[in-house]
């Protein structure tokens, strides 16, 4: 996130804290879509992601007066979105895991009956995605932030609320664990 964005966010936060309701509307316009995308990457359901983003805004509005560093609005707010998304995933994980396992087994069995190169690539992609799901949620998050959303280590540190060293460590361990899982499935 560049310096201009931080300054703009800080100005809007301070304006809202001073009673300017339009500043909140501007923050929502700037960040709501990003919050939905971020949540969607974790929960994989567009409607649920929109609900989580909306619920996150309620928390943000309740707690924005306690934000001591208005320039850190984005990482602070994204942390709320991540936590709410993770809570949802944890809540739904047990009931979903059996359905997903059966679905994936059926898809793998069906893809084994096809021999064209596209199907082989799709099978590898499905194995990779399934392997990533086997990682701890914190490791999944750092992979997504680093490789998909292309955040820097410092930005990831702010978003996740941990030190840069911890982010590096999680990223390293996520890569190593993913390599190990992929070797076991013989695509790594």
N, C-alpha and C. Protein backbone atom coordinates (compact mmCIF):
# COMPACT_ATOMS: atom_id res chain seq x y z
N UNK A 1 0.86 -1.18 0.00
CA UNK A 1 0.00 0.00 0.00
C UNK A 1 0.89 1.22 0.00
N UNK A 2 0.58 2.16 -0.88
CA UNK A 2 1.48 3.30 -1.00
C UNK A 2 1.14 4.39 0.02
N UNK A 3 2.07 5.34 0.11
CA UNK A 3 1.97 6.40 1.11
C UNK A 3 0.74 7.27 0.90
N UNK A 4 0.39 7.54 -0.38
CA UNK A 4 -0.77 8.37 -0.68
C UNK A 4 -2.06 7.72 -0.16
N UNK A 5 -2.16 6.41 -0.34
CA UNK A 5 -3.35 5.70 0.15
C UNK A 5 -3.44 5.78 1.67
N UNK A 6 -2.30 5.61 2.35
CA UNK A 6 -2.30 5.68 3.81
C UNK A 6 -2.72 7.08 4.28
N UNK A 7 -2.21 8.11 3.62
CA UNK A 7 -2.56 9.48 3.99
C UNK A 7 -4.04 9.73 3.75
N UNK A 8 -4.55 9.27 2.58
CA UNK A 8 -5.97 9.43 2.27
C UNK A 8 -6.83 8.71 3.31
N UNK A 9 -6.47 7.47 3.64
CA UNK A 9 -7.23 6.72 4.64
C UNK A 9 -7.19 7.40 6.00
N UNK A 10 -6.00 7.89 6.38
CA UNK A 10 -5.86 8.56 7.67
C UNK A 10 -6.75 9.79 7.75
N UNK A 11 -6.77 10.55 6.65
CA UNK A 11 -7.60 11.76 6.62
C UNK A 11 -9.08 11.39 6.77
N UNK A 12 -9.51 10.36 6.06
CA UNK A 12 -10.92 9.94 6.14
C UNK A 12 -11.27 9.42 7.53
N UNK A 13 -10.38 8.66 8.14
CA UNK A 13 -10.63 8.13 9.48
C UNK A 13 -10.75 9.28 10.48
N UNK A 14 -9.83 10.22 10.41
CA UNK A 14 -9.87 11.36 11.33
C UNK A 14 -11.14 12.19 11.10
N UNK A 15 -11.51 12.38 9.84
CA UNK A 15 -12.75 13.10 9.54
C UNK A 15 -13.95 12.38 10.13
N UNK A 16 -14.00 11.07 9.98
CA UNK A 16 -15.14 10.31 10.53
C UNK A 16 -15.14 10.38 12.05
N UNK A 17 -13.97 10.24 12.65
CA UNK A 17 -13.88 10.32 14.11
C UNK A 17 -14.32 11.69 14.62
N UNK A 18 -14.21 12.70 13.74
CA UNK A 18 -14.64 14.06 14.11
C UNK A 18 -16.11 14.30 13.83
N UNK A 19 -16.81 13.29 13.32
CA UNK A 19 -18.25 13.41 13.12
C UNK A 19 -18.70 13.52 11.67
N UNK A 20 -17.82 13.49 10.71
CA UNK A 20 -18.18 13.61 9.31
C UNK A 20 -18.63 12.24 8.77
N UNK A 21 -19.94 12.05 8.62
CA UNK A 21 -20.49 10.77 8.16
C UNK A 21 -20.10 10.46 6.71
N UNK A 22 -19.88 11.49 5.91
CA UNK A 22 -19.50 11.27 4.51
C UNK A 22 -18.14 10.59 4.41
N UNK A 23 -17.29 10.80 5.40
CA UNK A 23 -15.97 10.17 5.39
C UNK A 23 -16.12 8.65 5.49
N UNK A 24 -17.10 8.19 6.27
CA UNK A 24 -17.34 6.75 6.37
C UNK A 24 -17.81 6.20 5.03
N UNK A 25 -18.69 6.92 4.36
CA UNK A 25 -19.16 6.48 3.04
C UNK A 25 -17.99 6.36 2.07
N UNK A 26 -17.06 7.30 2.16
CA UNK A 26 -15.88 7.26 1.28
C UNK A 26 -15.01 6.04 1.60
N UNK A 27 -14.83 5.74 2.89
CA UNK A 27 -14.06 4.56 3.27
C UNK A 27 -14.72 3.28 2.76
N UNK A 28 -16.03 3.22 2.90
CA UNK A 28 -16.76 2.04 2.42
C UNK A 28 -16.58 1.89 0.92
N UNK A 29 -16.72 3.00 0.18
CA UNK A 29 -16.53 2.94 -1.28
C UNK A 29 -15.14 2.45 -1.64
N UNK A 30 -14.15 2.90 -0.90
CA UNK A 30 -12.77 2.54 -1.19
C UNK A 30 -12.45 1.08 -0.86
N UNK A 31 -13.00 0.56 0.22
CA UNK A 31 -12.52 -0.71 0.75
C UNK A 31 -13.53 -1.86 0.75
N UNK A 32 -14.80 -1.61 0.55
CA UNK A 32 -15.78 -2.70 0.68
C UNK A 32 -15.51 -3.83 -0.32
N UNK A 33 -15.24 -3.50 -1.56
CA UNK A 33 -14.98 -4.53 -2.58
C UNK A 33 -13.76 -5.38 -2.19
N UNK A 34 -12.72 -4.72 -1.70
CA UNK A 34 -11.51 -5.44 -1.26
C UNK A 34 -11.83 -6.38 -0.09
N UNK A 35 -12.65 -5.91 0.83
CA UNK A 35 -13.04 -6.75 1.96
C UNK A 35 -13.81 -7.97 1.49
N UNK A 36 -14.69 -7.79 0.52
CA UNK A 36 -15.46 -8.91 -0.04
C UNK A 36 -14.52 -9.90 -0.72
N UNK A 37 -13.58 -9.40 -1.51
CA UNK A 37 -12.63 -10.29 -2.20
C UNK A 37 -11.77 -11.06 -1.20
N UNK A 38 -11.31 -10.36 -0.19
CA UNK A 38 -10.46 -11.00 0.81
C UNK A 38 -11.22 -12.10 1.53
N UNK A 39 -12.43 -11.80 1.94
CA UNK A 39 -13.24 -12.80 2.61
C UNK A 39 -13.58 -13.95 1.68
N UNK A 40 -13.88 -13.64 0.42
CA UNK A 40 -14.22 -14.67 -0.54
C UNK A 40 -13.08 -15.67 -0.71
N UNK A 41 -11.85 -15.19 -0.74
CA UNK A 41 -10.72 -16.09 -0.92
C UNK A 41 -10.67 -17.11 0.21
N UNK A 42 -11.10 -16.72 1.39
CA UNK A 42 -11.06 -17.62 2.55
C UNK A 42 -12.31 -18.50 2.60
N UNK A 43 -13.49 -17.92 2.41
CA UNK A 43 -14.72 -18.69 2.62
C UNK A 43 -15.25 -19.35 1.35
N UNK A 44 -14.83 -18.90 0.19
CA UNK A 44 -15.21 -19.48 -1.11
C UNK A 44 -16.72 -19.44 -1.38
N UNK A 45 -17.39 -18.42 -0.87
CA UNK A 45 -18.82 -18.25 -1.10
C UNK A 45 -19.09 -16.75 -1.18
N UNK A 46 -19.51 -16.29 -2.35
CA UNK A 46 -19.68 -14.84 -2.57
C UNK A 46 -20.70 -14.23 -1.62
N UNK A 47 -21.82 -14.90 -1.41
CA UNK A 47 -22.85 -14.35 -0.52
C UNK A 47 -22.36 -14.28 0.93
N UNK A 48 -21.69 -15.32 1.37
CA UNK A 48 -21.14 -15.33 2.73
C UNK A 48 -20.07 -14.25 2.85
N UNK A 49 -19.23 -14.11 1.83
CA UNK A 49 -18.18 -13.09 1.86
C UNK A 49 -18.78 -11.69 1.99
N UNK A 50 -19.86 -11.44 1.27
CA UNK A 50 -20.53 -10.13 1.38
C UNK A 50 -21.07 -9.92 2.79
N UNK A 51 -21.66 -10.97 3.37
CA UNK A 51 -22.18 -10.88 4.74
C UNK A 51 -21.04 -10.61 5.74
N UNK A 52 -19.94 -11.30 5.55
CA UNK A 52 -18.79 -11.11 6.45
C UNK A 52 -18.25 -9.69 6.31
N UNK A 53 -18.15 -9.20 5.08
CA UNK A 53 -17.67 -7.83 4.88
C UNK A 53 -18.61 -6.84 5.58
N UNK A 54 -19.92 -7.08 5.44
CA UNK A 54 -20.90 -6.20 6.09
C UNK A 54 -20.76 -6.26 7.62
N UNK A 55 -20.64 -7.47 8.16
CA UNK A 55 -20.45 -7.61 9.60
C UNK A 55 -19.14 -6.97 10.06
N UNK A 56 -18.13 -7.06 9.22
CA UNK A 56 -16.84 -6.44 9.54
C UNK A 56 -16.99 -4.92 9.62
N UNK A 57 -17.78 -4.35 8.71
CA UNK A 57 -18.00 -2.91 8.75
C UNK A 57 -18.68 -2.50 10.06
N UNK A 58 -19.59 -3.32 10.55
CA UNK A 58 -20.25 -3.01 11.84
C UNK A 58 -19.20 -2.91 12.95
N UNK A 59 -18.29 -3.87 12.97
CA UNK A 59 -17.23 -3.87 13.99
C UNK A 59 -16.30 -2.67 13.78
N UNK A 60 -15.95 -2.41 12.53
CA UNK A 60 -15.06 -1.28 12.22
C UNK A 60 -15.68 0.02 12.72
N UNK A 61 -16.97 0.20 12.44
CA UNK A 61 -17.66 1.43 12.86
C UNK A 61 -17.67 1.53 14.39
N UNK A 62 -17.93 0.40 15.06
CA UNK A 62 -17.96 0.40 16.53
C UNK A 62 -16.60 0.74 17.13
N UNK A 63 -15.53 0.29 16.49
CA UNK A 63 -14.21 0.39 17.10
C UNK A 63 -13.30 1.44 16.46
N UNK A 64 -13.76 2.13 15.44
CA UNK A 64 -12.87 3.06 14.72
C UNK A 64 -12.39 4.20 15.61
N UNK A 65 -13.18 4.56 16.60
CA UNK A 65 -12.74 5.63 17.50
C UNK A 65 -11.52 5.22 18.32
N UNK A 66 -11.32 3.91 18.48
CA UNK A 66 -10.16 3.44 19.26
C UNK A 66 -8.93 3.22 18.38
N UNK A 67 -9.04 3.47 17.08
CA UNK A 67 -7.90 3.30 16.18
C UNK A 67 -6.91 4.43 16.44
N UNK A 68 -5.78 4.08 16.98
CA UNK A 68 -4.79 5.10 17.38
C UNK A 68 -3.97 5.61 16.22
N UNK A 69 -3.75 4.79 15.23
CA UNK A 69 -2.96 5.16 14.05
C UNK A 69 -3.86 5.13 12.82
N UNK A 70 -4.56 6.22 12.52
CA UNK A 70 -5.49 6.22 11.38
C UNK A 70 -4.85 5.82 10.06
N UNK A 71 -3.54 6.03 9.89
CA UNK A 71 -2.88 5.65 8.64
C UNK A 71 -2.84 4.12 8.49
N UNK A 72 -3.06 3.40 9.56
CA UNK A 72 -3.06 1.94 9.52
C UNK A 72 -4.47 1.37 9.38
N UNK A 73 -5.38 2.16 8.85
CA UNK A 73 -6.76 1.70 8.72
C UNK A 73 -6.87 0.40 7.94
N UNK A 74 -6.22 0.33 6.78
CA UNK A 74 -6.37 -0.85 5.92
C UNK A 74 -5.92 -2.14 6.62
N UNK A 75 -4.69 -2.22 7.14
CA UNK A 75 -4.31 -3.48 7.80
C UNK A 75 -5.18 -3.79 9.02
N UNK A 76 -5.57 -2.76 9.75
CA UNK A 76 -6.43 -2.94 10.92
C UNK A 76 -7.77 -3.51 10.50
N UNK A 77 -8.37 -2.93 9.47
CA UNK A 77 -9.68 -3.38 9.01
C UNK A 77 -9.59 -4.77 8.37
N UNK A 78 -8.54 -5.01 7.58
CA UNK A 78 -8.38 -6.33 6.97
C UNK A 78 -8.19 -7.42 8.02
N UNK A 79 -7.57 -7.07 9.11
CA UNK A 79 -7.41 -8.03 10.21
C UNK A 79 -8.78 -8.45 10.73
N UNK A 80 -9.70 -7.51 10.83
CA UNK A 80 -11.06 -7.82 11.27
C UNK A 80 -11.74 -8.74 10.26
N UNK A 81 -11.60 -8.43 8.98
CA UNK A 81 -12.20 -9.26 7.93
C UNK A 81 -11.63 -10.67 7.97
N UNK A 82 -10.31 -10.78 8.10
CA UNK A 82 -9.67 -12.10 8.16
C UNK A 82 -10.19 -12.89 9.35
N UNK A 83 -10.23 -12.27 10.49
CA UNK A 83 -10.67 -12.99 11.70
C UNK A 83 -12.11 -13.46 11.57
N UNK A 84 -12.98 -12.60 11.05
CA UNK A 84 -14.37 -13.01 10.87
C UNK A 84 -14.48 -14.14 9.85
N UNK A 85 -13.69 -14.07 8.80
CA UNK A 85 -13.70 -15.12 7.77
C UNK A 85 -13.19 -16.44 8.34
N UNK A 86 -12.12 -16.36 9.11
CA UNK A 86 -11.57 -17.57 9.72
C UNK A 86 -12.57 -18.18 10.70
N UNK A 87 -13.22 -17.34 11.48
CA UNK A 87 -14.24 -17.84 12.40
C UNK A 87 -15.33 -18.59 11.65
N UNK A 88 -15.75 -18.04 10.51
CA UNK A 88 -16.77 -18.70 9.70
C UNK A 88 -16.27 -20.06 9.20
N UNK A 89 -15.05 -20.07 8.70
CA UNK A 89 -14.49 -21.32 8.17
C UNK A 89 -14.41 -22.37 9.27
N UNK A 90 -13.95 -21.99 10.43
CA UNK A 90 -13.86 -22.93 11.55
C UNK A 90 -15.24 -23.46 11.93
N UNK A 91 -16.22 -22.57 11.93
CA UNK A 91 -17.58 -22.96 12.29
C UNK A 91 -18.16 -23.97 11.30
N UNK A 92 -17.86 -23.78 10.02
CA UNK A 92 -18.43 -24.63 8.98
C UNK A 92 -17.56 -25.84 8.61
N UNK A 93 -16.33 -25.88 9.09
CA UNK A 93 -15.37 -26.89 8.64
C UNK A 93 -15.85 -28.32 8.88
N UNK A 94 -16.37 -28.61 10.04
CA UNK A 94 -16.76 -29.98 10.34
C UNK A 94 -17.89 -30.48 9.46
N UNK A 95 -18.89 -29.66 9.26
CA UNK A 95 -20.02 -30.10 8.45
C UNK A 95 -19.70 -30.14 6.96
N UNK A 96 -18.75 -29.31 6.53
CA UNK A 96 -18.38 -29.27 5.12
C UNK A 96 -17.35 -30.33 4.73
N UNK A 97 -16.50 -30.72 5.66
CA UNK A 97 -15.37 -31.58 5.30
C UNK A 97 -15.83 -32.90 4.69
N UNK A 98 -16.85 -33.50 5.21
CA UNK A 98 -17.32 -34.78 4.66
C UNK A 98 -17.88 -34.59 3.25
N UNK A 99 -18.65 -33.54 3.04
CA UNK A 99 -19.20 -33.28 1.71
C UNK A 99 -18.08 -33.04 0.70
N UNK A 100 -17.08 -32.25 1.08
CA UNK A 100 -15.96 -31.95 0.18
C UNK A 100 -15.16 -33.20 -0.15
N UNK A 101 -14.95 -34.05 0.85
CA UNK A 101 -14.17 -35.27 0.63
C UNK A 101 -14.87 -36.16 -0.41
N UNK A 102 -16.15 -36.34 -0.25
CA UNK A 102 -16.91 -37.17 -1.20
C UNK A 102 -16.89 -36.55 -2.59
N UNK A 103 -17.09 -35.25 -2.67
CA UNK A 103 -17.07 -34.55 -3.96
C UNK A 103 -15.72 -34.69 -4.65
N UNK A 104 -14.63 -34.46 -3.89
CA UNK A 104 -13.29 -34.56 -4.47
C UNK A 104 -12.97 -35.98 -4.93
N UNK A 105 -13.38 -36.98 -4.15
CA UNK A 105 -13.15 -38.36 -4.54
C UNK A 105 -13.87 -38.68 -5.84
N UNK A 106 -15.09 -38.22 -5.96
CA UNK A 106 -15.85 -38.45 -7.20
C UNK A 106 -15.19 -37.76 -8.38
N UNK A 107 -14.74 -36.53 -8.20
CA UNK A 107 -14.07 -35.80 -9.28
C UNK A 107 -12.76 -36.46 -9.68
N UNK A 108 -11.98 -36.92 -8.68
CA UNK A 108 -10.73 -37.60 -9.00
C UNK A 108 -11.00 -38.90 -9.75
N UNK A 109 -12.01 -39.65 -9.33
CA UNK A 109 -12.35 -40.90 -10.00
C UNK A 109 -12.78 -40.62 -11.44
N UNK A 110 -13.58 -39.58 -11.64
CA UNK A 110 -14.02 -39.24 -12.99
C UNK A 110 -12.87 -38.76 -13.86
N UNK A 111 -11.94 -37.99 -13.28
CA UNK A 111 -10.84 -37.47 -14.09
C UNK A 111 -9.85 -38.59 -14.43
N UNK A 112 -9.82 -39.67 -13.65
CA UNK A 112 -8.95 -40.79 -13.97
C UNK A 112 -9.40 -41.52 -15.23
N UNK A 113 -10.66 -41.38 -15.59
CA UNK A 113 -11.18 -42.05 -16.77
C UNK A 113 -10.87 -41.29 -18.06
N UNK A 114 -10.33 -40.08 -17.97
CA UNK A 114 -10.04 -39.26 -19.14
C UNK A 114 -8.54 -39.19 -19.32
N UNK A 115 -8.09 -39.07 -20.55
CA UNK A 115 -6.65 -39.11 -20.74
C UNK A 115 -6.06 -37.88 -21.41
N UNK A 116 -6.86 -36.93 -21.79
CA UNK A 116 -6.28 -35.80 -22.51
C UNK A 116 -5.51 -34.87 -21.57
N UNK A 117 -4.56 -34.11 -22.09
CA UNK A 117 -3.64 -33.28 -21.32
C UNK A 117 -4.36 -32.26 -20.44
N UNK A 118 -5.45 -31.70 -20.93
CA UNK A 118 -6.21 -30.74 -20.15
C UNK A 118 -6.71 -31.37 -18.85
N UNK A 119 -7.19 -32.57 -18.95
CA UNK A 119 -7.69 -33.26 -17.76
C UNK A 119 -6.57 -33.56 -16.77
N UNK A 120 -5.40 -33.89 -17.28
CA UNK A 120 -4.25 -34.13 -16.41
C UNK A 120 -3.90 -32.84 -15.67
N UNK A 121 -3.90 -31.70 -16.36
CA UNK A 121 -3.61 -30.42 -15.72
C UNK A 121 -4.66 -30.07 -14.68
N UNK A 122 -5.92 -30.34 -15.01
CA UNK A 122 -7.00 -30.07 -14.05
C UNK A 122 -6.84 -30.93 -12.80
N UNK A 123 -6.44 -32.18 -13.00
CA UNK A 123 -6.23 -33.08 -11.86
C UNK A 123 -5.10 -32.55 -10.98
N UNK A 124 -4.01 -32.10 -11.62
CA UNK A 124 -2.89 -31.54 -10.85
C UNK A 124 -3.32 -30.30 -10.09
N UNK A 125 -4.10 -29.46 -10.75
CA UNK A 125 -4.58 -28.24 -10.10
C UNK A 125 -5.46 -28.58 -8.90
N UNK A 126 -6.33 -29.58 -9.05
CA UNK A 126 -7.20 -29.97 -7.96
C UNK A 126 -6.38 -30.54 -6.80
N UNK A 127 -5.35 -31.33 -7.12
CA UNK A 127 -4.48 -31.88 -6.08
C UNK A 127 -3.75 -30.76 -5.35
N UNK A 128 -3.28 -29.76 -6.11
CA UNK A 128 -2.60 -28.62 -5.50
C UNK A 128 -3.54 -27.86 -4.56
N UNK A 129 -4.74 -27.57 -5.03
CA UNK A 129 -5.70 -26.84 -4.19
C UNK A 129 -6.08 -27.66 -2.95
N UNK A 130 -6.26 -28.96 -3.14
CA UNK A 130 -6.59 -29.82 -2.00
C UNK A 130 -5.41 -29.85 -1.03
N UNK A 131 -4.19 -29.88 -1.56
CA UNK A 131 -3.00 -29.89 -0.72
C UNK A 131 -2.88 -28.61 0.08
N UNK A 132 -3.18 -27.49 -0.55
CA UNK A 132 -3.14 -26.20 0.16
C UNK A 132 -4.16 -26.20 1.29
N UNK A 133 -5.33 -26.80 1.06
CA UNK A 133 -6.35 -26.87 2.11
C UNK A 133 -5.89 -27.69 3.31
N UNK A 134 -4.91 -28.57 3.11
CA UNK A 134 -4.39 -29.38 4.21
C UNK A 134 -3.46 -28.59 5.12
N UNK A 135 -2.99 -27.46 4.63
CA UNK A 135 -2.11 -26.62 5.44
C UNK A 135 -2.91 -25.95 6.55
N UNK A 136 -2.22 -25.60 7.64
CA UNK A 136 -2.90 -24.80 8.67
C UNK A 136 -3.40 -23.49 8.06
N UNK A 137 -4.49 -22.97 8.59
CA UNK A 137 -5.13 -21.78 8.03
C UNK A 137 -4.17 -20.60 7.96
N UNK A 138 -3.30 -20.44 8.95
CA UNK A 138 -2.34 -19.33 8.94
C UNK A 138 -1.39 -19.45 7.75
N UNK A 139 -1.00 -20.68 7.42
CA UNK A 139 -0.11 -20.88 6.28
C UNK A 139 -0.86 -20.66 4.97
N UNK A 140 -2.11 -21.07 4.91
CA UNK A 140 -2.93 -20.81 3.72
C UNK A 140 -3.02 -19.30 3.49
N UNK A 141 -3.22 -18.56 4.56
CA UNK A 141 -3.38 -17.12 4.45
C UNK A 141 -2.12 -16.44 3.93
N UNK A 142 -0.94 -16.85 4.45
CA UNK A 142 0.28 -16.19 3.98
C UNK A 142 0.54 -16.52 2.51
N UNK A 143 0.23 -17.74 2.08
CA UNK A 143 0.39 -18.07 0.66
C UNK A 143 -0.52 -17.20 -0.20
N UNK A 144 -1.76 -17.04 0.24
CA UNK A 144 -2.71 -16.24 -0.51
C UNK A 144 -2.29 -14.77 -0.55
N UNK A 145 -1.89 -14.23 0.58
CA UNK A 145 -1.49 -12.82 0.62
C UNK A 145 -0.25 -12.57 -0.23
N UNK A 146 0.71 -13.50 -0.19
CA UNK A 146 1.97 -13.30 -0.88
C UNK A 146 1.86 -13.59 -2.37
N UNK A 147 1.28 -14.73 -2.74
CA UNK A 147 1.29 -15.14 -4.14
C UNK A 147 0.08 -14.67 -4.93
N UNK A 148 -1.08 -14.58 -4.30
CA UNK A 148 -2.28 -14.19 -5.03
C UNK A 148 -2.48 -12.68 -4.98
N UNK A 149 -2.42 -12.11 -3.78
CA UNK A 149 -2.67 -10.67 -3.64
C UNK A 149 -1.39 -9.85 -3.72
N UNK A 150 -0.25 -10.50 -3.74
CA UNK A 150 1.05 -9.88 -3.94
C UNK A 150 1.38 -8.77 -2.94
N UNK A 151 1.06 -9.02 -1.67
CA UNK A 151 1.44 -8.08 -0.62
C UNK A 151 2.92 -8.29 -0.27
N UNK A 152 3.55 -7.23 0.19
CA UNK A 152 4.93 -7.34 0.65
C UNK A 152 4.91 -7.98 2.04
N UNK A 153 6.08 -8.41 2.50
CA UNK A 153 6.16 -9.02 3.83
C UNK A 153 5.75 -8.03 4.92
N UNK A 154 6.13 -6.76 4.76
CA UNK A 154 5.76 -5.75 5.75
C UNK A 154 4.25 -5.52 5.78
N UNK A 155 3.63 -5.48 4.60
CA UNK A 155 2.18 -5.30 4.54
C UNK A 155 1.47 -6.50 5.15
N UNK A 156 1.97 -7.69 4.87
CA UNK A 156 1.38 -8.90 5.45
C UNK A 156 1.50 -8.87 6.97
N UNK A 157 2.63 -8.39 7.45
CA UNK A 157 2.85 -8.28 8.89
C UNK A 157 1.78 -7.39 9.53
N UNK A 158 1.49 -6.26 8.89
CA UNK A 158 0.47 -5.34 9.41
C UNK A 158 -0.92 -5.97 9.35
N UNK A 159 -1.24 -6.60 8.23
CA UNK A 159 -2.57 -7.19 8.06
C UNK A 159 -2.81 -8.30 9.08
N UNK A 160 -1.82 -9.15 9.27
CA UNK A 160 -1.98 -10.30 10.15
C UNK A 160 -1.71 -9.97 11.62
N UNK A 161 -1.13 -8.80 11.87
CA UNK A 161 -0.87 -8.40 13.24
C UNK A 161 0.27 -9.19 13.89
N UNK A 162 1.24 -9.60 13.10
CA UNK A 162 2.40 -10.34 13.61
C UNK A 162 3.67 -9.69 13.05
N UNK A 163 4.81 -10.09 13.59
CA UNK A 163 6.07 -9.50 13.12
C UNK A 163 6.41 -9.99 11.72
N UNK A 164 7.28 -9.25 11.05
CA UNK A 164 7.75 -9.64 9.71
C UNK A 164 8.46 -10.99 9.78
N UNK A 165 9.21 -11.21 10.84
CA UNK A 165 9.89 -12.49 11.02
C UNK A 165 8.91 -13.65 11.09
N UNK A 166 7.80 -13.44 11.78
CA UNK A 166 6.77 -14.47 11.87
C UNK A 166 6.16 -14.73 10.50
N UNK A 167 5.94 -13.68 9.73
CA UNK A 167 5.39 -13.84 8.38
C UNK A 167 6.37 -14.66 7.53
N UNK A 168 7.67 -14.31 7.59
CA UNK A 168 8.68 -15.05 6.83
C UNK A 168 8.68 -16.52 7.23
N UNK A 169 8.61 -16.75 8.53
CA UNK A 169 8.62 -18.12 9.04
C UNK A 169 7.40 -18.90 8.56
N UNK A 170 6.22 -18.28 8.63
CA UNK A 170 5.00 -18.95 8.17
C UNK A 170 5.07 -19.25 6.68
N UNK A 171 5.60 -18.30 5.92
CA UNK A 171 5.72 -18.50 4.47
C UNK A 171 6.70 -19.64 4.16
N UNK A 172 7.82 -19.66 4.85
CA UNK A 172 8.80 -20.73 4.66
C UNK A 172 8.19 -22.08 5.00
N UNK A 173 7.55 -22.17 6.18
CA UNK A 173 6.97 -23.44 6.61
C UNK A 173 5.82 -23.87 5.70
N UNK A 174 5.06 -22.91 5.20
CA UNK A 174 3.96 -23.23 4.28
C UNK A 174 4.52 -23.85 3.00
N UNK A 175 5.58 -23.25 2.47
CA UNK A 175 6.20 -23.79 1.25
C UNK A 175 6.75 -25.19 1.49
N UNK A 176 7.46 -25.36 2.60
CA UNK A 176 8.06 -26.66 2.90
C UNK A 176 7.00 -27.73 3.10
N UNK A 177 5.96 -27.38 3.84
CA UNK A 177 4.90 -28.36 4.09
C UNK A 177 4.17 -28.70 2.78
N UNK A 178 3.95 -27.71 1.95
CA UNK A 178 3.28 -27.94 0.67
C UNK A 178 4.14 -28.84 -0.22
N UNK A 179 5.47 -28.59 -0.23
CA UNK A 179 6.36 -29.47 -0.99
C UNK A 179 6.24 -30.91 -0.51
N UNK A 180 6.22 -31.07 0.79
CA UNK A 180 6.13 -32.41 1.38
C UNK A 180 4.82 -33.10 1.00
N UNK A 181 3.74 -32.37 1.09
CA UNK A 181 2.43 -32.93 0.73
C UNK A 181 2.40 -33.31 -0.74
N UNK A 182 2.94 -32.44 -1.59
CA UNK A 182 2.94 -32.71 -3.03
C UNK A 182 3.83 -33.89 -3.39
N UNK A 183 4.94 -34.08 -2.67
CA UNK A 183 5.78 -35.24 -2.92
C UNK A 183 5.03 -36.52 -2.60
N UNK A 184 4.25 -36.48 -1.52
CA UNK A 184 3.46 -37.65 -1.14
C UNK A 184 2.42 -37.99 -2.21
N UNK A 185 1.90 -36.96 -2.87
CA UNK A 185 0.90 -37.19 -3.93
C UNK A 185 1.54 -37.35 -5.30
N UNK A 186 2.89 -37.24 -5.32
CA UNK A 186 3.68 -37.47 -6.51
C UNK A 186 3.45 -36.47 -7.64
N UNK A 187 3.13 -35.20 -7.30
CA UNK A 187 3.11 -34.17 -8.36
C UNK A 187 4.15 -33.10 -8.06
N UNK A 188 4.83 -33.16 -6.92
CA UNK A 188 5.78 -32.12 -6.55
C UNK A 188 7.14 -32.33 -7.08
